Amino acid sequence: MVVTKKWKVATFVTTVALASGLAAAGLTAATSAASDLPPVVHVVEHAVTDTVQQFHPPGNSLGDVLGFHNPVYDAADQRQIATDNGYCIRTVGTGKTEWECTWTTMLAGGNLTVVGPYFDDGTDTTLTITGGTGKYTGATGSMVLHARGNPVGSEYDFVFSLGHN
């Protein structure tokens, strides 16, 4: 019986040590891969699918929903390199109207997800990078949203300033 308990304790300790080692190795690999990324990723979204469902038509009201899945171009706005997919909920329906948004930009090699504010009047806002996949695993930081295009608001600069866990 004593031999069995020692064997169980030894097995448990070995399993914990192995799991800890693998977790540390995985964390190091993700951090190392993420640290090889450029500090800034700049792309341009073309807002061609934006659709608003008004909660209390015909005016703006708390709870309106904006959904989208748009093409995303390189920083020079010459070539489509990605898409995005997301939604916003109107949180301020009068005065300086505001949305709270969540979306994912699906880039070559991985995705970046953000959450934060958007103003109908085109005011620049800063959103939080909440995570990434692929080569963006472990990414943190912020994204500046800047309205542009003709008319203004038909295109948006997404300027991701990447940090890493």
N, C-alpha and C. Protein backbone atom coordinates (compact mmCIF):
# COMPACT_ATOMS: atom_id res chain seq x y z
N MET A 1 0.81 -1.19 0.00
CA MET A 1 0.00 0.00 0.00
C MET A 1 0.86 1.26 0.00
N VAL A 2 1.92 1.30 0.78
CA VAL A 2 2.81 2.46 0.85
C VAL A 2 3.46 2.69 -0.50
N VAL A 3 3.86 1.64 -1.19
CA VAL A 3 4.48 1.75 -2.51
C VAL A 3 3.49 2.39 -3.49
N THR A 4 2.23 2.01 -3.44
CA THR A 4 1.21 2.55 -4.33
C THR A 4 1.02 4.03 -4.09
N LYS A 5 0.98 4.48 -2.83
CA LYS A 5 0.83 5.91 -2.54
C LYS A 5 2.02 6.69 -3.05
N LYS A 6 3.24 6.16 -2.84
CA LYS A 6 4.44 6.86 -3.33
C LYS A 6 4.39 6.96 -4.85
N TRP A 7 3.95 5.87 -5.51
CA TRP A 7 3.87 5.88 -6.97
C TRP A 7 2.86 6.92 -7.45
N LYS A 8 1.71 7.01 -6.75
CA LYS A 8 0.70 7.99 -7.12
C LYS A 8 1.21 9.41 -6.93
N VAL A 9 1.91 9.66 -5.83
CA VAL A 9 2.47 10.99 -5.57
C VAL A 9 3.52 11.32 -6.62
N ALA A 10 4.39 10.38 -6.94
CA ALA A 10 5.43 10.60 -7.94
C ALA A 10 4.80 10.86 -9.31
N THR A 11 3.78 10.12 -9.66
CA THR A 11 3.09 10.32 -10.93
C THR A 11 2.43 11.69 -10.98
N PHE A 12 1.77 12.07 -9.90
CA PHE A 12 1.13 13.38 -9.81
C PHE A 12 2.15 14.50 -9.98
N VAL A 13 3.26 14.43 -9.25
CA VAL A 13 4.30 15.46 -9.32
C VAL A 13 4.88 15.53 -10.73
N THR A 14 5.13 14.39 -11.35
CA THR A 14 5.66 14.36 -12.72
C THR A 14 4.67 14.96 -13.70
N THR A 15 3.39 14.62 -13.56
CA THR A 15 2.35 15.16 -14.44
C THR A 15 2.24 16.66 -14.30
N VAL A 16 2.25 17.18 -13.08
CA VAL A 16 2.17 18.62 -12.85
C VAL A 16 3.39 19.31 -13.46
N ALA A 17 4.56 18.75 -13.25
CA ALA A 17 5.79 19.34 -13.79
C ALA A 17 5.76 19.36 -15.32
N LEU A 18 5.32 18.26 -15.93
CA LEU A 18 5.23 18.17 -17.38
C LEU A 18 4.22 19.18 -17.92
N ALA A 19 3.05 19.25 -17.30
CA ALA A 19 2.02 20.20 -17.75
C ALA A 19 2.51 21.64 -17.60
N SER A 20 3.18 21.94 -16.52
CA SER A 20 3.71 23.28 -16.31
C SER A 20 4.75 23.61 -17.36
N GLY A 21 5.60 22.65 -17.66
CA GLY A 21 6.62 22.86 -18.68
C GLY A 21 6.02 23.09 -20.05
N LEU A 22 5.00 22.30 -20.41
CA LEU A 22 4.35 22.48 -21.70
C LEU A 22 3.63 23.82 -21.77
N ALA A 23 2.97 24.20 -20.69
CA ALA A 23 2.28 25.50 -20.68
C ALA A 23 3.27 26.63 -20.83
N ALA A 24 4.39 26.55 -20.13
CA ALA A 24 5.41 27.59 -20.24
C ALA A 24 5.99 27.63 -21.64
N ALA A 25 6.22 26.46 -22.24
CA ALA A 25 6.75 26.41 -23.61
C ALA A 25 5.76 27.00 -24.59
N GLY A 26 4.48 26.69 -24.43
CA GLY A 26 3.46 27.25 -25.31
C GLY A 26 3.35 28.75 -25.18
N LEU A 27 3.40 29.23 -23.95
CA LEU A 27 3.34 30.66 -23.72
C LEU A 27 4.54 31.35 -24.32
N THR A 28 5.71 30.77 -24.16
CA THR A 28 6.92 31.35 -24.73
C THR A 28 6.84 31.38 -26.25
N ALA A 29 6.34 30.31 -26.85
CA ALA A 29 6.23 30.25 -28.30
C ALA A 29 5.26 31.31 -28.80
N ALA A 30 4.11 31.46 -28.15
CA ALA A 30 3.12 32.46 -28.60
C ALA A 30 3.67 33.86 -28.43
N THR A 31 4.33 34.12 -27.30
CA THR A 31 4.88 35.44 -27.06
C THR A 31 6.00 35.73 -28.04
N SER A 32 6.84 34.75 -28.31
CA SER A 32 7.94 34.93 -29.24
C SER A 32 7.41 35.22 -30.63
N ALA A 33 6.40 34.46 -31.09
CA ALA A 33 5.83 34.68 -32.41
C ALA A 33 5.19 36.06 -32.49
N ALA A 34 4.45 36.46 -31.46
CA ALA A 34 3.78 37.76 -31.46
C ALA A 34 4.79 38.89 -31.43
N SER A 35 5.93 38.70 -30.75
CA SER A 35 6.91 39.77 -30.65
C SER A 35 7.62 40.02 -31.97
N ASP A 36 7.49 39.09 -32.94
CA ASP A 36 8.08 39.27 -34.26
C ASP A 36 7.21 40.11 -35.18
N LEU A 37 6.02 40.48 -34.73
CA LEU A 37 5.09 41.25 -35.55
C LEU A 37 5.50 42.71 -35.61
N PRO A 38 5.08 43.40 -36.69
CA PRO A 38 5.33 44.84 -36.73
C PRO A 38 4.53 45.53 -35.62
N PRO A 39 5.05 46.64 -35.08
CA PRO A 39 4.35 47.31 -33.99
C PRO A 39 3.04 47.98 -34.43
N VAL A 40 2.90 48.26 -35.73
CA VAL A 40 1.69 48.93 -36.23
C VAL A 40 1.21 48.21 -37.50
N VAL A 41 -0.10 47.94 -37.56
CA VAL A 41 -0.73 47.39 -38.76
C VAL A 41 -1.79 48.41 -39.16
N HIS A 42 -1.67 48.94 -40.39
CA HIS A 42 -2.60 49.96 -40.90
C HIS A 42 -3.33 49.39 -42.10
N VAL A 43 -4.66 49.35 -42.03
CA VAL A 43 -5.50 48.90 -43.13
C VAL A 43 -6.65 49.88 -43.31
N VAL A 44 -7.36 49.74 -44.44
CA VAL A 44 -8.49 50.63 -44.75
C VAL A 44 -9.72 49.78 -45.02
N GLU A 45 -10.77 50.00 -44.22
CA GLU A 45 -12.03 49.30 -44.40
C GLU A 45 -12.92 50.10 -45.35
N HIS A 46 -13.59 49.39 -46.27
CA HIS A 46 -14.61 50.01 -47.13
C HIS A 46 -15.96 49.60 -46.56
N ALA A 47 -16.70 50.57 -46.02
CA ALA A 47 -17.96 50.31 -45.32
C ALA A 47 -19.11 50.16 -46.31
N VAL A 48 -19.14 49.02 -47.03
CA VAL A 48 -20.14 48.83 -48.08
C VAL A 48 -21.33 47.97 -47.66
N THR A 49 -21.22 47.27 -46.53
CA THR A 49 -22.34 46.41 -46.12
C THR A 49 -23.03 46.89 -44.84
N ASP A 50 -22.58 48.00 -44.27
CA ASP A 50 -23.12 48.48 -43.00
C ASP A 50 -24.65 48.59 -43.07
N THR A 51 -25.31 47.92 -42.14
CA THR A 51 -26.77 47.90 -42.12
C THR A 51 -27.24 48.20 -40.70
N VAL A 52 -28.12 49.20 -40.57
CA VAL A 52 -28.64 49.59 -39.26
C VAL A 52 -30.08 49.11 -39.13
N GLN A 53 -30.36 48.47 -38.01
CA GLN A 53 -31.73 48.12 -37.64
C GLN A 53 -32.11 49.02 -36.47
N GLN A 54 -33.06 49.93 -36.71
CA GLN A 54 -33.45 50.87 -35.67
C GLN A 54 -34.43 50.21 -34.70
N PHE A 55 -34.16 50.43 -33.43
CA PHE A 55 -34.98 49.87 -32.37
C PHE A 55 -36.34 50.57 -32.30
N HIS A 56 -36.33 51.89 -32.44
CA HIS A 56 -37.56 52.69 -32.46
C HIS A 56 -37.52 53.61 -33.68
N PRO A 57 -37.83 53.09 -34.88
CA PRO A 57 -37.79 53.93 -36.08
C PRO A 57 -38.76 55.09 -35.96
N PRO A 58 -38.56 56.21 -36.59
CA PRO A 58 -37.56 56.42 -37.62
C PRO A 58 -36.27 57.06 -37.09
N GLY A 59 -36.15 57.35 -35.81
CA GLY A 59 -34.98 58.06 -35.31
C GLY A 59 -33.96 57.17 -34.62
N ASN A 60 -32.83 57.78 -34.28
CA ASN A 60 -31.80 57.08 -33.51
C ASN A 60 -32.31 56.82 -32.10
N SER A 61 -32.05 55.62 -31.60
CA SER A 61 -32.46 55.31 -30.23
C SER A 61 -31.52 54.28 -29.61
N LEU A 62 -31.48 54.33 -28.30
CA LEU A 62 -30.70 53.36 -27.54
C LEU A 62 -31.12 51.95 -27.95
N GLY A 63 -30.14 51.12 -28.31
CA GLY A 63 -30.43 49.74 -28.69
C GLY A 63 -30.42 49.49 -30.19
N ASP A 64 -30.32 50.53 -31.03
CA ASP A 64 -30.19 50.29 -32.47
C ASP A 64 -28.99 49.37 -32.70
N VAL A 65 -29.05 48.57 -33.76
CA VAL A 65 -27.98 47.62 -34.06
C VAL A 65 -27.42 47.90 -35.45
N LEU A 66 -26.09 47.91 -35.54
CA LEU A 66 -25.37 48.06 -36.80
C LEU A 66 -24.58 46.78 -37.02
N GLY A 67 -24.81 46.11 -38.14
CA GLY A 67 -24.06 44.90 -38.48
C GLY A 67 -23.28 45.13 -39.75
N PHE A 68 -22.14 44.43 -39.90
CA PHE A 68 -21.32 44.61 -41.11
C PHE A 68 -20.37 43.44 -41.33
N HIS A 69 -19.98 43.30 -42.58
CA HIS A 69 -18.96 42.35 -43.04
C HIS A 69 -18.36 43.00 -44.29
N ASN A 70 -17.25 43.72 -44.11
CA ASN A 70 -16.72 44.58 -45.16
C ASN A 70 -15.36 44.15 -45.68
N PRO A 71 -15.04 44.55 -46.92
CA PRO A 71 -13.69 44.32 -47.43
C PRO A 71 -12.71 45.28 -46.76
N VAL A 72 -11.48 44.82 -46.59
CA VAL A 72 -10.42 45.61 -45.96
C VAL A 72 -9.22 45.64 -46.91
N TYR A 73 -8.68 46.84 -47.12
CA TYR A 73 -7.60 47.06 -48.08
C TYR A 73 -6.29 47.40 -47.38
N ASP A 74 -5.20 47.34 -48.15
CA ASP A 74 -3.89 47.72 -47.61
C ASP A 74 -3.89 49.21 -47.26
N ALA A 75 -2.83 49.67 -46.60
CA ALA A 75 -2.75 51.06 -46.13
C ALA A 75 -2.82 52.06 -47.27
N ALA A 76 -2.38 51.68 -48.47
CA ALA A 76 -2.44 52.56 -49.64
C ALA A 76 -3.83 52.55 -50.28
N ASP A 77 -4.74 51.71 -49.76
CA ASP A 77 -6.10 51.58 -50.26
C ASP A 77 -6.12 51.14 -51.73
N GLN A 78 -5.21 50.23 -52.08
CA GLN A 78 -5.08 49.78 -53.46
C GLN A 78 -5.53 48.34 -53.68
N ARG A 79 -5.34 47.47 -52.67
CA ARG A 79 -5.57 46.04 -52.86
C ARG A 79 -6.28 45.46 -51.65
N GLN A 80 -7.36 44.71 -51.90
CA GLN A 80 -8.05 44.06 -50.79
C GLN A 80 -7.16 42.96 -50.23
N ILE A 81 -6.95 43.01 -48.90
CA ILE A 81 -6.08 42.04 -48.24
C ILE A 81 -6.79 41.28 -47.12
N ALA A 82 -8.02 41.68 -46.80
CA ALA A 82 -8.69 41.09 -45.65
C ALA A 82 -10.19 41.41 -45.71
N THR A 83 -10.90 40.95 -44.68
CA THR A 83 -12.30 41.32 -44.46
C THR A 83 -12.46 41.56 -42.96
N ASP A 84 -13.59 42.17 -42.61
CA ASP A 84 -13.92 42.29 -41.20
C ASP A 84 -15.35 41.81 -41.01
N ASN A 85 -15.72 41.64 -39.75
CA ASN A 85 -17.04 41.13 -39.43
C ASN A 85 -17.39 41.60 -38.03
N GLY A 86 -18.51 42.32 -37.86
CA GLY A 86 -18.82 42.78 -36.52
C GLY A 86 -20.17 43.43 -36.38
N TYR A 87 -20.34 44.04 -35.20
CA TYR A 87 -21.61 44.68 -34.88
C TYR A 87 -21.36 45.80 -33.87
N CYS A 88 -22.33 46.72 -33.83
CA CYS A 88 -22.31 47.81 -32.86
C CYS A 88 -23.73 47.96 -32.30
N ILE A 89 -23.80 48.37 -31.07
CA ILE A 89 -25.08 48.67 -30.41
C ILE A 89 -25.07 50.15 -30.05
N ARG A 90 -26.13 50.88 -30.44
CA ARG A 90 -26.18 52.31 -30.11
C ARG A 90 -26.38 52.46 -28.60
N THR A 91 -25.47 53.23 -27.98
CA THR A 91 -25.55 53.46 -26.53
C THR A 91 -25.96 54.88 -26.19
N VAL A 92 -25.86 55.79 -27.17
CA VAL A 92 -26.31 57.18 -26.99
C VAL A 92 -27.09 57.54 -28.25
N GLY A 93 -28.38 57.84 -28.10
CA GLY A 93 -29.23 58.09 -29.25
C GLY A 93 -29.53 59.55 -29.53
N THR A 94 -29.10 60.48 -28.67
CA THR A 94 -29.35 61.91 -28.89
C THR A 94 -28.05 62.67 -28.71
N GLY A 95 -28.01 63.88 -29.27
CA GLY A 95 -26.80 64.69 -29.16
C GLY A 95 -25.67 64.05 -29.96
N LYS A 96 -24.52 63.89 -29.35
CA LYS A 96 -23.37 63.24 -30.00
C LYS A 96 -23.62 61.72 -29.91
N THR A 97 -24.29 61.17 -30.94
CA THR A 97 -24.68 59.76 -30.91
C THR A 97 -23.47 58.85 -30.93
N GLU A 98 -23.59 57.73 -30.22
CA GLU A 98 -22.44 56.84 -30.02
C GLU A 98 -22.87 55.38 -30.07
N TRP A 99 -21.95 54.56 -30.53
CA TRP A 99 -22.11 53.11 -30.58
C TRP A 99 -21.02 52.45 -29.75
N GLU A 100 -21.28 51.26 -29.26
CA GLU A 100 -20.26 50.40 -28.67
C GLU A 100 -20.13 49.21 -29.62
N CYS A 101 -18.91 48.95 -30.10
CA CYS A 101 -18.70 48.00 -31.19
C CYS A 101 -17.75 46.86 -30.82
N THR A 102 -17.93 45.76 -31.50
CA THR A 102 -17.02 44.62 -31.42
C THR A 102 -16.86 44.09 -32.84
N TRP A 103 -15.62 43.91 -33.28
CA TRP A 103 -15.42 43.28 -34.58
C TRP A 103 -14.07 42.60 -34.67
N THR A 104 -14.00 41.73 -35.68
CA THR A 104 -12.77 41.00 -35.97
C THR A 104 -12.33 41.36 -37.37
N THR A 105 -11.06 41.70 -37.52
CA THR A 105 -10.45 41.93 -38.82
C THR A 105 -9.66 40.67 -39.16
N MET A 106 -10.04 40.02 -40.26
CA MET A 106 -9.45 38.74 -40.64
C MET A 106 -8.35 38.98 -41.67
N LEU A 107 -7.12 39.01 -41.18
CA LEU A 107 -5.94 39.31 -41.98
C LEU A 107 -5.23 38.03 -42.39
N ALA A 108 -4.32 38.12 -43.35
CA ALA A 108 -3.50 36.96 -43.72
C ALA A 108 -2.70 36.54 -42.49
N GLY A 109 -2.78 35.31 -42.14
CA GLY A 109 -2.01 34.80 -41.01
C GLY A 109 -2.70 34.87 -39.67
N GLY A 110 -3.88 35.51 -39.59
CA GLY A 110 -4.58 35.55 -38.31
C GLY A 110 -5.57 36.70 -38.22
N ASN A 111 -6.27 36.74 -37.11
CA ASN A 111 -7.31 37.73 -36.87
C ASN A 111 -6.94 38.64 -35.71
N LEU A 112 -7.47 39.86 -35.75
CA LEU A 112 -7.39 40.79 -34.62
C LEU A 112 -8.80 41.21 -34.25
N THR A 113 -9.13 41.14 -32.97
CA THR A 113 -10.47 41.51 -32.50
C THR A 113 -10.37 42.76 -31.62
N VAL A 114 -11.31 43.68 -31.82
CA VAL A 114 -11.34 44.94 -31.06
C VAL A 114 -12.71 45.16 -30.45
N VAL A 115 -12.74 46.01 -29.43
CA VAL A 115 -13.99 46.44 -28.81
C VAL A 115 -13.82 47.90 -28.40
N GLY A 116 -14.88 48.70 -28.60
CA GLY A 116 -14.80 50.09 -28.18
C GLY A 116 -15.82 50.98 -28.87
N PRO A 117 -15.65 52.30 -28.71
CA PRO A 117 -16.66 53.26 -29.18
C PRO A 117 -16.52 53.65 -30.65
N TYR A 118 -17.64 54.09 -31.22
CA TYR A 118 -17.70 54.66 -32.56
C TYR A 118 -18.74 55.77 -32.52
N PHE A 119 -18.39 56.95 -33.06
CA PHE A 119 -19.31 58.09 -33.11
C PHE A 119 -19.84 58.28 -34.54
N ASP A 120 -21.13 58.55 -34.67
CA ASP A 120 -21.73 58.80 -35.99
C ASP A 120 -21.12 60.00 -36.70
N ASP A 121 -20.59 60.96 -35.97
CA ASP A 121 -20.09 62.19 -36.59
C ASP A 121 -18.67 62.05 -37.14
N GLY A 122 -18.08 60.87 -37.07
CA GLY A 122 -16.75 60.65 -37.64
C GLY A 122 -15.59 60.98 -36.73
N THR A 123 -15.86 61.34 -35.48
CA THR A 123 -14.79 61.61 -34.53
C THR A 123 -13.89 60.38 -34.40
N ASP A 124 -12.56 60.58 -34.43
CA ASP A 124 -11.64 59.47 -34.21
C ASP A 124 -11.88 58.87 -32.83
N THR A 125 -11.80 57.56 -32.76
CA THR A 125 -11.92 56.87 -31.47
C THR A 125 -10.80 55.85 -31.36
N THR A 126 -10.56 55.40 -30.14
CA THR A 126 -9.57 54.37 -29.89
C THR A 126 -10.27 53.18 -29.27
N LEU A 127 -10.09 52.02 -29.89
CA LEU A 127 -10.68 50.77 -29.42
C LEU A 127 -9.58 49.90 -28.81
N THR A 128 -9.96 48.95 -28.00
CA THR A 128 -9.03 48.04 -27.35
C THR A 128 -8.89 46.76 -28.17
N ILE A 129 -7.66 46.34 -28.44
CA ILE A 129 -7.42 45.04 -29.05
C ILE A 129 -7.62 44.01 -27.95
N THR A 130 -8.61 43.14 -28.12
CA THR A 130 -8.92 42.16 -27.08
C THR A 130 -8.30 40.80 -27.34
N GLY A 131 -7.70 40.62 -28.49
CA GLY A 131 -7.03 39.35 -28.76
C GLY A 131 -6.78 39.15 -30.23
N GLY A 132 -6.15 38.03 -30.51
CA GLY A 132 -5.83 37.69 -31.87
C GLY A 132 -5.66 36.20 -32.03
N THR A 133 -5.56 35.77 -33.29
CA THR A 133 -5.31 34.37 -33.59
C THR A 133 -4.12 34.28 -34.54
N GLY A 134 -3.64 33.06 -34.76
CA GLY A 134 -2.54 32.85 -35.69
C GLY A 134 -1.32 33.65 -35.27
N LYS A 135 -0.73 34.37 -36.22
CA LYS A 135 0.48 35.12 -35.88
C LYS A 135 0.20 36.31 -34.96
N TYR A 136 -1.08 36.60 -34.71
CA TYR A 136 -1.45 37.68 -33.79
C TYR A 136 -1.81 37.16 -32.39
N THR A 137 -1.62 35.87 -32.15
CA THR A 137 -1.90 35.30 -30.83
C THR A 137 -1.10 36.05 -29.77
N GLY A 138 -1.76 36.45 -28.71
CA GLY A 138 -1.10 37.19 -27.64
C GLY A 138 -1.09 38.69 -27.86
N ALA A 139 -1.65 39.15 -28.98
CA ALA A 139 -1.66 40.59 -29.26
C ALA A 139 -2.58 41.33 -28.30
N THR A 140 -2.14 42.48 -27.87
CA THR A 140 -2.92 43.42 -27.08
C THR A 140 -2.67 44.78 -27.70
N GLY A 141 -3.16 45.81 -27.08
CA GLY A 141 -2.89 47.15 -27.57
C GLY A 141 -4.16 47.89 -27.90
N SER A 142 -4.07 48.78 -28.89
CA SER A 142 -5.22 49.61 -29.24
C SER A 142 -5.30 49.79 -30.75
N MET A 143 -6.47 50.23 -31.20
CA MET A 143 -6.69 50.51 -32.61
C MET A 143 -7.37 51.87 -32.74
N VAL A 144 -6.78 52.75 -33.51
CA VAL A 144 -7.41 54.04 -33.80
C VAL A 144 -8.32 53.85 -35.01
N LEU A 145 -9.56 54.31 -34.87
CA LEU A 145 -10.55 54.28 -35.94
C LEU A 145 -10.69 55.70 -36.46
N HIS A 146 -10.42 55.89 -37.77
CA HIS A 146 -10.46 57.22 -38.37
C HIS A 146 -11.34 57.18 -39.61
N ALA A 147 -12.41 58.00 -39.61
CA ALA A 147 -13.32 58.08 -40.76
C ALA A 147 -12.65 58.82 -41.91
N ARG A 148 -12.84 58.29 -43.12
CA ARG A 148 -12.31 58.92 -44.33
C ARG A 148 -13.22 58.55 -45.49
N GLY A 149 -12.80 58.81 -46.70
CA GLY A 149 -13.58 58.44 -47.88
C GLY A 149 -14.42 59.60 -48.37
N ASN A 150 -15.11 59.36 -49.49
CA ASN A 150 -15.98 60.36 -50.09
C ASN A 150 -17.31 59.69 -50.40
N PRO A 151 -18.33 59.87 -49.57
CA PRO A 151 -18.40 60.78 -48.43
C PRO A 151 -17.61 60.24 -47.23
N VAL A 152 -17.26 61.17 -46.33
CA VAL A 152 -16.54 60.78 -45.11
C VAL A 152 -17.38 59.74 -44.37
N GLY A 153 -16.74 58.66 -43.97
CA GLY A 153 -17.44 57.57 -43.30
C GLY A 153 -17.72 56.40 -44.22
N SER A 154 -17.39 56.54 -45.50
CA SER A 154 -17.56 55.41 -46.41
C SER A 154 -16.34 54.49 -46.36
N GLU A 155 -15.25 55.00 -45.79
CA GLU A 155 -14.04 54.22 -45.56
C GLU A 155 -13.49 54.59 -44.19
N TYR A 156 -12.74 53.65 -43.61
CA TYR A 156 -12.16 53.89 -42.28
C TYR A 156 -10.74 53.37 -42.22
N ASP A 157 -9.83 54.20 -41.69
CA ASP A 157 -8.50 53.71 -41.34
C ASP A 157 -8.61 52.92 -40.05
N PHE A 158 -8.04 51.74 -40.02
CA PHE A 158 -7.84 50.95 -38.80
C PHE A 158 -6.34 50.96 -38.57
N VAL A 159 -5.88 51.60 -37.52
CA VAL A 159 -4.45 51.63 -37.21
C VAL A 159 -4.25 50.89 -35.89
N PHE A 160 -3.83 49.62 -36.03
CA PHE A 160 -3.61 48.76 -34.87
C PHE A 160 -2.20 49.01 -34.32
N SER A 161 -2.11 49.40 -33.06
CA SER A 161 -0.82 49.53 -32.36
C SER A 161 -0.71 48.30 -31.47
N LEU A 162 0.12 47.37 -31.88
CA LEU A 162 0.18 46.07 -31.23
C LEU A 162 1.09 46.06 -30.00
N GLY A 163 0.57 45.50 -28.94
CA GLY A 163 1.34 45.17 -27.77
C GLY A 163 1.24 43.66 -27.64
N HIS A 164 1.91 43.08 -26.68
CA HIS A 164 1.90 41.63 -26.55
C HIS A 164 1.87 41.24 -25.09
N ASN A 165 1.15 40.13 -24.81
CA ASN A 165 1.11 39.60 -23.45
C ASN A 165 2.45 39.01 -23.10
